[in-house]
Amino acid sequence: MCVVVPMDLWERIRALAEDAEDIADLERFEREDDGLRYPSPVAVTIVEGMHPLRAWREYRGLTLQALAALVGVSKPYLCQIERGKRAGTTATLQRLATALAVPFRALLPL
């Protein structure tokens, strides 16, 4: 079956369809948004290969020693986590996340 419609009507229908798709996409993005935002300097350094813990620590202006003291771990242990030599316990990562004011998942390697 073939239907012929005037061009101006077709343009309006097409615009409405595109608007409906845009609205559906926006609703989906809002529904799936986890709220986690990365400042540009943190995102860039993580994409370049830096461990997220180090990226956030440096962004917050903390030394290894200062962050280690805040969460009650040794500086070498923290360094091993940042270098990917150790994963760190869930409890330690949670304390680090709290100290850095970021969600736990923001410290997990990509």
PDB file of N, CA and C in Angstrom:
ATOM      1  N   MET A   1       0.850  -1.173   0.000  1.00  0.00           N
ATOM      2  CA  MET A   1       0.000   0.000   0.000  1.00  0.00           C
ATOM      3  C   MET A   1       0.888   1.225   0.000  1.00  0.00           C
ATOM      4  N   CYS A   2       0.516   2.189  -0.759  1.00  0.00           N
ATOM      5  CA  CYS A   2       1.279   3.424  -0.879  1.00  0.00           C
ATOM      6  C   CYS A   2       0.332   4.592  -0.605  1.00  0.00           C
ATOM      7  N   VAL A   3       0.833   5.549   0.222  1.00  0.00           N
ATOM      8  CA  VAL A   3       0.029   6.707   0.558  1.00  0.00           C
ATOM      9  C   VAL A   3       0.821   7.953   0.229  1.00  0.00           C
ATOM     10  N   VAL A   4       0.151   8.918  -0.359  1.00  0.00           N
ATOM     11  CA  VAL A   4       0.794  10.190  -0.700  1.00  0.00           C
ATOM     12  C   VAL A   4       0.215  11.258   0.224  1.00  0.00           C
ATOM     13  N   VAL A   5       1.130  11.990   0.898  1.00  0.00           N
ATOM     14  CA  VAL A   5       0.694  13.084   1.768  1.00  0.00           C
ATOM     15  C   VAL A   5       1.419  14.347   1.339  1.00  0.00           C
ATOM     16  N   PRO A   6       0.799  15.483   1.549  1.00  0.00           N
ATOM     17  CA  PRO A   6       1.453  16.739   1.206  1.00  0.00           C
ATOM     18  C   PRO A   6       2.746  16.907   2.006  1.00  0.00           C
ATOM     19  N   MET A   7       3.723  17.547   1.394  1.00  0.00           N
ATOM     20  CA  MET A   7       5.044  17.701   2.001  1.00  0.00           C
ATOM     21  C   MET A   7       4.985  18.430   3.339  1.00  0.00           C
ATOM     22  N   ASP A   8       4.179  19.482   3.466  1.00  0.00           N
ATOM     23  CA  ASP A   8       4.116  20.222   4.727  1.00  0.00           C
ATOM     24  C   ASP A   8       3.559  19.348   5.853  1.00  0.00           C
ATOM     25  N   LEU A   9       2.593  18.483   5.543  1.00  0.00           N
ATOM     26  CA  LEU A   9       2.056  17.564   6.537  1.00  0.00           C
ATOM     27  C   LEU A   9       3.118  16.539   6.929  1.00  0.00           C
ATOM     28  N   TRP A  10       3.849  16.017   5.936  1.00  0.00           N
ATOM     29  CA  TRP A  10       4.913  15.055   6.219  1.00  0.00           C
ATOM     30  C   TRP A  10       5.983  15.667   7.132  1.00  0.00           C
ATOM     31  N   GLU A  11       6.367  16.909   6.883  1.00  0.00           N
ATOM     32  CA  GLU A  11       7.385  17.583   7.698  1.00  0.00           C
ATOM     33  C   GLU A  11       6.912  17.729   9.148  1.00  0.00           C
ATOM     34  N   ARG A  12       5.648  18.074   9.346  1.00  0.00           N
ATOM     35  CA  ARG A  12       5.111  18.195  10.703  1.00  0.00           C
ATOM     36  C   ARG A  12       5.092  16.843  11.411  1.00  0.00           C
ATOM     37  N   ILE A  13       4.683  15.794  10.701  1.00  0.00           N
ATOM     38  CA  ILE A  13       4.649  14.444  11.275  1.00  0.00           C
ATOM     39  C   ILE A  13       6.057  14.002  11.654  1.00  0.00           C
ATOM     40  N   ARG A  14       6.997  14.252  10.765  1.00  0.00           N
ATOM     41  CA  ARG A  14       8.376  13.860  11.034  1.00  0.00           C
ATOM     42  C   ARG A  14       8.932  14.609  12.247  1.00  0.00           C
ATOM     43  N   ALA A  15       8.666  15.900  12.357  1.00  0.00           N
ATOM     44  CA  ALA A  15       9.133  16.695  13.495  1.00  0.00           C
ATOM     45  C   ALA A  15       8.523  16.185  14.796  1.00  0.00           C
ATOM     46  N   LEU A  16       7.233  15.855  14.775  1.00  0.00           N
ATOM     47  CA  LEU A  16       6.589  15.304  15.974  1.00  0.00           C
ATOM     48  C   LEU A  16       7.191  13.960  16.369  1.00  0.00           C
ATOM     49  N   ALA A  17       7.494  13.135  15.387  1.00  0.00           N
ATOM     50  CA  ALA A  17       8.100  11.831  15.666  1.00  0.00           C
ATOM     51  C   ALA A  17       9.495  12.004  16.275  1.00  0.00           C
ATOM     52  N   GLU A  18      10.272  12.950  15.741  1.00  0.00           N
ATOM     53  CA  GLU A  18      11.601  13.214  16.292  1.00  0.00           C
ATOM     54  C   GLU A  18      11.502  13.753  17.717  1.00  0.00           C
ATOM     55  N   ASP A  19      10.528  14.636  17.960  1.00  0.00           N
ATOM     56  CA  ASP A  19      10.326  15.153  19.313  1.00  0.00           C
ATOM     57  C   ASP A  19       9.977  14.019  20.275  1.00  0.00           C
ATOM     58  N   ALA A  20       9.117  13.114  19.832  1.00  0.00           N
ATOM     59  CA  ALA A  20       8.723  11.992  20.682  1.00  0.00           C
ATOM     60  C   ALA A  20       9.931  11.102  20.996  1.00  0.00           C
ATOM     61  N   GLU A  21      10.804  10.879  20.009  1.00  0.00           N
ATOM     62  CA  GLU A  21      12.019  10.090  20.239  1.00  0.00           C
ATOM     63  C   GLU A  21      12.940  10.800  21.229  1.00  0.00           C
ATOM     64  N   ASP A  22      13.089  12.113  21.078  1.00  0.00           N
ATOM     65  CA  ASP A  22      13.933  12.891  21.991  1.00  0.00           C
ATOM     66  C   ASP A  22      13.408  12.816  23.421  1.00  0.00           C
ATOM     67  N   ILE A  23      12.102  12.929  23.574  1.00  0.00           N
ATOM     68  CA  ILE A  23      11.489  12.860  24.906  1.00  0.00           C
ATOM     69  C   ILE A  23      11.704  11.477  25.514  1.00  0.00           C
ATOM     70  N   ALA A  24      11.524  10.438  24.719  1.00  0.00           N
ATOM     71  CA  ALA A  24      11.724   9.061  25.206  1.00  0.00           C
ATOM     72  C   ALA A  24      13.181   8.846  25.616  1.00  0.00           C
ATOM     73  N   ASP A  25      14.126   9.371  24.814  1.00  0.00           N
ATOM     74  CA  ASP A  25      15.550   9.251  25.161  1.00  0.00           C
ATOM     75  C   ASP A  25      15.852   9.974  26.467  1.00  0.00           C
ATOM     76  N   LEU A  26      15.341  11.182  26.619  1.00  0.00           N
ATOM     77  CA  LEU A  26      15.570  11.954  27.840  1.00  0.00           C
ATOM     78  C   LEU A  26      14.996  11.236  29.058  1.00  0.00           C
ATOM     79  N   GLU A  27      13.812  10.695  28.942  1.00  0.00           N
ATOM     80  CA  GLU A  27      13.214   9.955  30.052  1.00  0.00           C
ATOM     81  C   GLU A  27      14.043   8.729  30.413  1.00  0.00           C
ATOM     82  N   ARG A  28      14.571   8.039  29.398  1.00  0.00           N
ATOM     83  CA  ARG A  28      15.407   6.867  29.647  1.00  0.00           C
ATOM     84  C   ARG A  28      16.705   7.281  30.333  1.00  0.00           C
ATOM     85  N   PHE A  29      17.345   8.357  29.858  1.00  0.00           N
ATOM     86  CA  PHE A  29      18.584   8.827  30.477  1.00  0.00           C
ATOM     87  C   PHE A  29      18.354   9.216  31.931  1.00  0.00           C
ATOM     88  N   GLU A  30      17.263   9.903  32.211  1.00  0.00           N
ATOM     89  CA  GLU A  30      16.952  10.303  33.586  1.00  0.00           C
ATOM     90  C   GLU A  30      16.673   9.092  34.469  1.00  0.00           C
ATOM     91  N   ARG A  31      16.008   8.103  33.918  1.00  0.00           N
ATOM     92  CA  ARG A  31      15.675   6.893  34.667  1.00  0.00           C
ATOM     93  C   ARG A  31      16.944   6.095  34.990  1.00  0.00           C
ATOM     94  N   GLU A  32      17.910   6.065  34.079  1.00  0.00           N
ATOM     95  CA  GLU A  32      19.119   5.268  34.246  1.00  0.00           C
ATOM     96  C   GLU A  32      20.273   6.054  34.873  1.00  0.00           C
ATOM     97  N   ASP A  33      20.106   7.339  35.116  1.00  0.00           N
ATOM     98  CA  ASP A  33      21.166   8.175  35.672  1.00  0.00           C
ATOM     99  C   ASP A  33      21.470   7.770  37.111  1.00  0.00           C
ATOM    100  N   ASP A  34      22.733   7.439  37.375  1.00  0.00           N
ATOM    101  CA  ASP A  34      23.113   7.050  38.730  1.00  0.00           C
ATOM    102  C   ASP A  34      23.601   8.242  39.554  1.00  0.00           C
ATOM    103  N   GLY A  35      23.678   9.410  38.952  1.00  0.00           N
ATOM    104  CA  GLY A  35      24.034  10.620  39.675  1.00  0.00           C
ATOM    105  C   GLY A  35      25.521  10.849  39.859  1.00  0.00           C
ATOM    106  N   LEU A  36      26.351   9.898  39.479  1.00  0.00           N
ATOM    107  CA  LEU A  36      27.789  10.040  39.649  1.00  0.00           C
ATOM    108  C   LEU A  36      28.357  10.968  38.583  1.00  0.00           C
ATOM    109  N   ARG A  37      29.060  11.996  39.017  1.00  0.00           N
ATOM    110  CA  ARG A  37      29.680  12.952  38.111  1.00  0.00           C
ATOM    111  C   ARG A  37      31.170  13.026  38.413  1.00  0.00           C
ATOM    112  N   TYR A  38      31.980  13.093  37.380  1.00  0.00           N
ATOM    113  CA  TYR A  38      33.422  13.206  37.528  1.00  0.00           C
ATOM    114  C   TYR A  38      33.869  14.581  37.041  1.00  0.00           C
ATOM    115  N   PRO A  39      34.606  15.306  37.873  1.00  0.00           N
ATOM    116  CA  PRO A  39      35.180  16.559  37.380  1.00  0.00           C
ATOM    117  C   PRO A  39      36.154  16.238  36.237  1.00  0.00           C
ATOM    118  N   SER A  40      36.290  17.139  35.312  1.00  0.00           N
ATOM    119  CA  SER A  40      37.134  16.910  34.138  1.00  0.00           C
ATOM    120  C   SER A  40      38.545  16.449  34.491  1.00  0.00           C
ATOM    121  N   PRO A  41      39.236  17.098  35.446  1.00  0.00           N
ATOM    122  CA  PRO A  41      40.597  16.636  35.743  1.00  0.00           C
ATOM    123  C   PRO A  41      40.649  15.185  36.231  1.00  0.00           C
ATOM    124  N   VAL A  42      39.646  14.767  36.968  1.00  0.00           N
ATOM    125  CA  VAL A  42      39.600  13.386  37.457  1.00  0.00           C
ATOM    126  C   VAL A  42      39.319  12.441  36.287  1.00  0.00           C
ATOM    127  N   ALA A  43      38.347  12.769  35.480  1.00  0.00           N
ATOM    128  CA  ALA A  43      37.984  11.914  34.351  1.00  0.00           C
ATOM    129  C   ALA A  43      39.148  11.746  33.383  1.00  0.00           C
ATOM    130  N   VAL A  44      39.822  12.834  33.076  1.00  0.00           N
ATOM    131  CA  VAL A  44      40.937  12.768  32.120  1.00  0.00           C
ATOM    132  C   VAL A  44      42.048  11.871  32.640  1.00  0.00           C
ATOM    133  N   THR A  45      42.425  12.037  33.902  1.00  0.00           N
ATOM    134  CA  THR A  45      43.521  11.225  34.428  1.00  0.00           C
ATOM    135  C   THR A  45      43.143   9.748  34.531  1.00  0.00           C
ATOM    136  N   ILE A  46      41.890   9.461  34.822  1.00  0.00           N
ATOM    137  CA  ILE A  46      41.451   8.059  34.864  1.00  0.00           C
ATOM    138  C   ILE A  46      41.487   7.457  33.468  1.00  0.00           C
ATOM    139  N   VAL A  47      40.991   8.196  32.480  1.00  0.00           N
ATOM    140  CA  VAL A  47      41.008   7.708  31.103  1.00  0.00           C
ATOM    141  C   VAL A  47      42.441   7.493  30.624  1.00  0.00           C
ATOM    142  N   GLU A  48      43.361   8.324  31.087  1.00  0.00           N
ATOM    143  CA  GLU A  48      44.767   8.182  30.708  1.00  0.00           C
ATOM    144  C   GLU A  48      45.462   7.033  31.432  1.00  0.00           C
ATOM    145  N   GLY A  49      44.760   6.370  32.361  1.00  0.00           N
ATOM    146  CA  GLY A  49      45.311   5.186  32.999  1.00  0.00           C
ATOM    147  C   GLY A  49      45.588   5.289  34.487  1.00  0.00           C
ATOM    148  N   MET A  50      45.347   6.438  35.083  1.00  0.00           N
ATOM    149  CA  MET A  50      45.578   6.577  36.517  1.00  0.00           C
ATOM    150  C   MET A  50      44.486   5.849  37.293  1.00  0.00           C
ATOM    151  N   HIS A  51      44.863   5.252  38.413  1.00  0.00           N
ATOM    152  CA  HIS A  51      43.886   4.584  39.272  1.00  0.00           C
ATOM    153  C   HIS A  51      42.915   5.646  39.806  1.00  0.00           C
ATOM    154  N   PRO A  52      41.621   5.339  39.851  1.00  0.00           N
ATOM    155  CA  PRO A  52      40.642   6.316  40.337  1.00  0.00           C
ATOM    156  C   PRO A  52      40.939   6.843  41.746  1.00  0.00           C
ATOM    157  N   LEU A  53      41.465   5.986  42.617  1.00  0.00           N
ATOM    158  CA  LEU A  53      41.788   6.439  43.970  1.00  0.00           C
ATOM    159  C   LEU A  53      42.819   7.563  43.939  1.00  0.00           C
ATOM    160  N   ARG A  54      43.855   7.382  43.167  1.00  0.00           N
ATOM    161  CA  ARG A  54      44.888   8.417  43.069  1.00  0.00           C
ATOM    162  C   ARG A  54      44.333   9.682  42.418  1.00  0.00           C
ATOM    163  N   ALA A  55      43.541   9.508  41.372  1.00  0.00           N
ATOM    164  CA  ALA A  55      42.970  10.671  40.684  1.00  0.00           C
ATOM    165  C   ALA A  55      42.129  11.513  41.642  1.00  0.00           C
ATOM    166  N   TRP A  56      41.271  10.856  42.426  1.00  0.00           N
ATOM    167  CA  TRP A  56      40.442  11.583  43.390  1.00  0.00           C
ATOM    168  C   TRP A  56      41.283  12.169  44.518  1.00  0.00           C
ATOM    169  N   ARG A  57      42.284  11.428  44.992  1.00  0.00           N
ATOM    170  CA  ARG A  57      43.137  11.924  46.075  1.00  0.00           C
ATOM    171  C   ARG A  57      43.865  13.197  45.639  1.00  0.00           C
ATOM    172  N   GLU A  58      44.446  13.155  44.448  1.00  0.00           N
ATOM    173  CA  GLU A  58      45.154  14.334  43.954  1.00  0.00           C
ATOM    174  C   GLU A  58      44.188  15.493  43.699  1.00  0.00           C
ATOM    175  N   TYR A  59      43.021  15.178  43.193  1.00  0.00           N
ATOM    176  CA  TYR A  59      42.018  16.226  42.949  1.00  0.00           C
ATOM    177  C   TYR A  59      41.625  16.920  44.256  1.00  0.00           C
ATOM    178  N   ARG A  60      41.532  16.148  45.330  1.00  0.00           N
ATOM    179  CA  ARG A  60      41.175  16.706  46.641  1.00  0.00           C
ATOM    180  C   ARG A  60      42.371  17.365  47.330  1.00  0.00           C
ATOM    181  N   GLY A  61      43.564  17.257  46.717  1.00  0.00           N
ATOM    182  CA  GLY A  61      44.747  17.911  47.268  1.00  0.00           C
ATOM    183  C   GLY A  61      45.336  17.219  48.480  1.00  0.00           C
ATOM    184  N   LEU A  62      45.163  15.910  48.555  1.00  0.00           N
ATOM    185  CA  LEU A  62      45.675  15.148  49.690  1.00  0.00           C
ATOM    186  C   LEU A  62      46.931  14.372  49.305  1.00  0.00           C
ATOM    187  N   THR A  63      47.871  14.299  50.213  1.00  0.00           N
ATOM    188  CA  THR A  63      49.043  13.454  50.020  1.00  0.00           C
ATOM    189  C   THR A  63      48.675  12.029  50.405  1.00  0.00           C
ATOM    190  N   LEU A  64      49.527  11.092  49.998  1.00  0.00           N
ATOM    191  CA  LEU A  64      49.317   9.703  50.416  1.00  0.00           C
ATOM    192  C   LEU A  64      49.282   9.609  51.936  1.00  0.00           C
ATOM    193  N   GLN A  65      50.232  10.294  52.582  1.00  0.00           N
ATOM    194  CA  GLN A  65      50.329  10.241  54.043  1.00  0.00           C
ATOM    195  C   GLN A  65      49.067  10.797  54.701  1.00  0.00           C
ATOM    196  N   ALA A  66      48.570  11.920  54.184  1.00  0.00           N
ATOM    197  CA  ALA A  66      47.387  12.550  54.784  1.00  0.00           C
ATOM    198  C   ALA A  66      46.155  11.655  54.637  1.00  0.00           C
ATOM    199  N   LEU A  67      45.948  11.082  53.449  1.00  0.00           N
ATOM    200  CA  LEU A  67      44.782  10.221  53.248  1.00  0.00           C
ATOM    201  C   LEU A  67      44.907   8.938  54.073  1.00  0.00           C
ATOM    202  N   ALA A  68      46.105   8.376  54.108  1.00  0.00           N
ATOM    203  CA  ALA A  68      46.323   7.162  54.908  1.00  0.00           C
ATOM    204  C   ALA A  68      45.985   7.427  56.373  1.00  0.00           C
ATOM    205  N   ALA A  69      46.416   8.574  56.880  1.00  0.00           N
ATOM    206  CA  ALA A  69      46.126   8.918  58.276  1.00  0.00           C
ATOM    207  C   ALA A  69      44.630   9.111  58.496  1.00  0.00           C
ATOM    208  N   LEU A  70      43.945   9.707  57.527  1.00  0.00           N
ATOM    209  CA  LEU A  70      42.499   9.936  57.652  1.00  0.00           C
ATOM    210  C   LEU A  70      41.711   8.636  57.783  1.00  0.00           C
ATOM    211  N   VAL A  71      42.138   7.616  57.052  1.00  0.00           N
ATOM    212  CA  VAL A  71      41.363   6.367  57.031  1.00  0.00           C
ATOM    213  C   VAL A  71      41.967   5.277  57.894  1.00  0.00           C
ATOM    214  N   GLY A  72      43.137   5.531  58.475  1.00  0.00           N
ATOM    215  CA  GLY A  72      43.732   4.548  59.376  1.00  0.00           C
ATOM    216  C   GLY A  72      44.410   3.376  58.705  1.00  0.00           C
ATOM    217  N   VAL A  73      45.060   3.640  57.568  1.00  0.00           N
ATOM    218  CA  VAL A  73      45.846   2.597  56.910  1.00  0.00           C
ATOM    219  C   VAL A  73      47.270   3.124  56.723  1.00  0.00           C
ATOM    220  N   SER A  74      48.169   2.232  56.371  1.00  0.00           N
ATOM    221  CA  SER A  74      49.546   2.658  56.164  1.00  0.00           C
ATOM    222  C   SER A  74      49.709   3.295  54.789  1.00  0.00           C
ATOM    223  N   LYS A  75      50.684   4.161  54.692  1.00  0.00           N
ATOM    224  CA  LYS A  75      50.992   4.810  53.414  1.00  0.00           C
ATOM    225  C   LYS A  75      51.386   3.767  52.355  1.00  0.00           C
ATOM    226  N   PRO A  76      52.228   2.769  52.687  1.00  0.00           N
ATOM    227  CA  PRO A  76      52.558   1.756  51.676  1.00  0.00           C
ATOM    228  C   PRO A  76      51.330   0.967  51.183  1.00  0.00           C
ATOM    229  N   TYR A  77      50.409   0.665  52.097  1.00  0.00           N
ATOM    230  CA  TYR A  77      49.195  -0.061  51.706  1.00  0.00           C
ATOM    231  C   TYR A  77      48.374   0.771  50.716  1.00  0.00           C
ATOM    232  N   LEU A  78      48.226   2.048  51.022  1.00  0.00           N
ATOM    233  CA  LEU A  78      47.484   2.937  50.139  1.00  0.00           C
ATOM    234  C   LEU A  78      48.178   3.047  48.781  1.00  0.00           C
ATOM    235  N   CYS A  79      49.488   3.148  48.798  1.00  0.00           N
ATOM    236  CA  CYS A  79      50.259   3.215  47.560  1.00  0.00           C
ATOM    237  C   CYS A  79      50.056   1.951  46.720  1.00  0.00           C
ATOM    238  N   GLN A  80      50.012   0.795  47.376  1.00  0.00           N
ATOM    239  CA  GLN A  80      49.795  -0.461  46.650  1.00  0.00           C
ATOM    240  C   GLN A  80      48.416  -0.492  45.993  1.00  0.00           C
ATOM    241  N   ILE A  81      47.423   0.057  46.663  1.00  0.00           N
ATOM    242  CA  ILE A  81      46.084   0.113  46.064  1.00  0.00           C
ATOM    243  C   ILE A  81      46.125   1.012  44.829  1.00  0.00           C
ATOM    244  N   GLU A  82      46.739   2.189  44.964  1.00  0.00           N
ATOM    245  CA  GLU A  82      46.805   3.134  43.844  1.00  0.00           C
ATOM    246  C   GLU A  82      47.570   2.572  42.651  1.00  0.00           C
ATOM    247  N   ARG A  83      48.539   1.709  42.906  1.00  0.00           N
ATOM    248  CA  ARG A  83      49.334   1.136  41.817  1.00  0.00           C
ATOM    249  C   ARG A  83      48.726  -0.156  41.263  1.00  0.00           C
ATOM    250  N   GLY A  84      47.599  -0.577  41.853  1.00  0.00           N
ATOM    251  CA  GLY A  84      46.937  -1.785  41.381  1.00  0.00           C
ATOM    252  C   GLY A  84      47.581  -3.068  41.866  1.00  0.00           C
ATOM    253  N   LYS A  85      48.492  -2.977  42.833  1.00  0.00           N
ATOM    254  CA  LYS A  85      49.153  -4.164  43.380  1.00  0.00           C
ATOM    255  C   LYS A  85      48.242  -4.898  44.367  1.00  0.00           C
ATOM    256  N   ARG A  86      47.351  -4.142  44.995  1.00  0.00           N
ATOM    257  CA  ARG A  86      46.363  -4.699  45.924  1.00  0.00           C
ATOM    258  C   ARG A  86      45.019  -4.084  45.601  1.00  0.00           C
ATOM    259  N   ALA A  87      43.977  -4.855  45.874  1.00  0.00           N
ATOM    260  CA  ALA A  87      42.627  -4.349  45.588  1.00  0.00           C
ATOM    261  C   ALA A  87      42.091  -3.499  46.728  1.00  0.00           C
ATOM    262  N   GLY A  88      42.519  -3.778  47.937  1.00  0.00           N
ATOM    263  CA  GLY A  88      41.949  -3.085  49.091  1.00  0.00           C
ATOM    264  C   GLY A  88      40.668  -3.767  49.508  1.00  0.00           C
ATOM    265  N   THR A  89      40.441  -3.817  50.801  1.00  0.00           N
ATOM    266  CA  THR A  89      39.213  -4.448  51.285  1.00  0.00           C
ATOM    267  C   THR A  89      38.031  -3.519  51.035  1.00  0.00           C
ATOM    268  N   THR A  90      36.869  -4.089  51.066  1.00  0.00           N
ATOM    269  CA  THR A  90      35.656  -3.297  50.897  1.00  0.00           C
ATOM    270  C   THR A  90      35.561  -2.237  51.989  1.00  0.00           C
ATOM    271  N   ALA A  91      35.896  -2.624  53.207  1.00  0.00           N
ATOM    272  CA  ALA A  91      35.829  -1.675  54.327  1.00  0.00           C
ATOM    273  C   ALA A  91      36.808  -0.518  54.127  1.00  0.00           C
ATOM    274  N   THR A  92      38.014  -0.832  53.678  1.00  0.00           N
ATOM    275  CA  THR A  92      39.004   0.221  53.441  1.00  0.00           C
ATOM    276  C   THR A  92      38.561   1.140  52.313  1.00  0.00           C
ATOM    277  N   LEU A  93      38.084   0.564  51.228  1.00  0.00           N
ATOM    278  CA  LEU A  93      37.624   1.388  50.105  1.00  0.00           C
ATOM    279  C   LEU A  93      36.447   2.260  50.514  1.00  0.00           C
ATOM    280  N   GLN A  94      35.587   1.742  51.373  1.00  0.00           N
ATOM    281  CA  GLN A  94      34.454   2.542  51.838  1.00  0.00           C
ATOM    282  C   GLN A  94      34.939   3.721  52.673  1.00  0.00           C
ATOM    283  N   ARG A  95      35.919   3.483  53.540  1.00  0.00           N
ATOM    284  CA  ARG A  95      36.480   4.584  54.335  1.00  0.00           C
ATOM    285  C   ARG A  95      37.182   5.600  53.437  1.00  0.00           C
ATOM    286  N   LEU A  96      37.877   5.123  52.423  1.00  0.00           N
ATOM    287  CA  LEU A  96      38.531   6.034  51.469  1.00  0.00           C
ATOM    288  C   LEU A  96      37.495   6.865  50.722  1.00  0.00           C
ATOM    289  N   ALA A  97      36.431   6.219  50.298  1.00  0.00           N
ATOM    290  CA  ALA A  97      35.366   6.940  49.588  1.00  0.00           C
ATOM    291  C   ALA A  97      34.761   8.016  50.472  1.00  0.00           C
ATOM    292  N   THR A  98      34.531   7.686  51.724  1.00  0.00           N
ATOM    293  CA  THR A  98      33.980   8.664  52.659  1.00  0.00           C
ATOM    294  C   THR A  98      34.936   9.832  52.849  1.00  0.00           C
ATOM    295  N   ALA A  99      36.217   9.527  53.024  1.00  0.00           N
ATOM    296  CA  ALA A  99      37.219  10.579  53.220  1.00  0.00           C
ATOM    297  C   ALA A  99      37.347  11.480  52.001  1.00  0.00           C
ATOM    298  N   LEU A 100      37.164  10.909  50.823  1.00  0.00           N
ATOM    299  CA  LEU A 100      37.280  11.679  49.577  1.00  0.00           C
ATOM    300  C   LEU A 100      35.945  12.282  49.131  1.00  0.00           C
ATOM    301  N   ALA A 101      34.880  11.987  49.856  1.00  0.00           N
ATOM    302  CA  ALA A 101      33.532  12.480  49.546  1.00  0.00           C
ATOM    303  C   ALA A 101      33.078  12.064  48.149  1.00  0.00           C
ATOM    304  N   VAL A 102      33.269  10.772  47.857  1.00  0.00           N
ATOM    305  CA  VAL A 102      32.820  10.213  46.578  1.00  0.00           C
ATOM    306  C   VAL A 102      32.096   8.902  46.854  1.00  0.00           C
ATOM    307  N   PRO A 103      31.243   8.453  45.947  1.00  0.00           N
ATOM    308  CA  PRO A 103      30.615   7.144  46.123  1.00  0.00           C
ATOM    309  C   PRO A 103      31.670   6.027  46.021  1.00  0.00           C
ATOM    310  N   PHE A 104      31.431   4.949  46.688  1.00  0.00           N
ATOM    311  CA  PHE A 104      32.336   3.786  46.689  1.00  0.00           C
ATOM    312  C   PHE A 104      32.735   3.396  45.266  1.00  0.00           C
ATOM    313  N   ARG A 105      31.762   3.322  44.386  1.00  0.00           N
ATOM    314  CA  ARG A 105      32.029   2.840  43.013  1.00  0.00           C
ATOM    315  C   ARG A 105      32.950   3.771  42.227  1.00  0.00           C
ATOM    316  N   ALA A 106      33.102   5.029  42.680  1.00  0.00           N
ATOM    317  CA  ALA A 106      33.985   5.967  41.991  1.00  0.00           C
ATOM    318  C   ALA A 106      35.456   5.598  42.183  1.00  0.00           C
ATOM    319  N   LEU A 107      35.750   4.754  43.157  1.00  0.00           N
ATOM    320  CA  LEU A 107      37.138   4.361  43.418  1.00  0.00           C
ATOM    321  C   LEU A 107      37.517   3.058  42.738  1.00  0.00           C
ATOM    322  N   LEU A 108      36.576   2.415  42.111  1.00  0.00           N
ATOM    323  CA  LEU A 108      36.857   1.128  41.461  1.00  0.00           C
ATOM    324  C   LEU A 108      37.497   1.364  40.102  1.00  0.00           C
ATOM    325  N   PRO A 109      38.548   0.606  39.797  1.00  0.00           N
ATOM    326  CA  PRO A 109      39.196   0.739  38.470  1.00  0.00           C
ATOM    327  C   PRO A 109      38.230   0.416  37.345  1.00  0.00           C
ATOM    328  N   LEU A 110      38.458   1.034  36.220  1.00  0.00           N
ATOM    329  CA  LEU A 110      37.596   0.796  35.045  1.00  0.00           C
ATOM    330  C   LEU A 110      37.782  -0.593  34.501  1.00  0.00           C
TER     331      LEU A 110
END
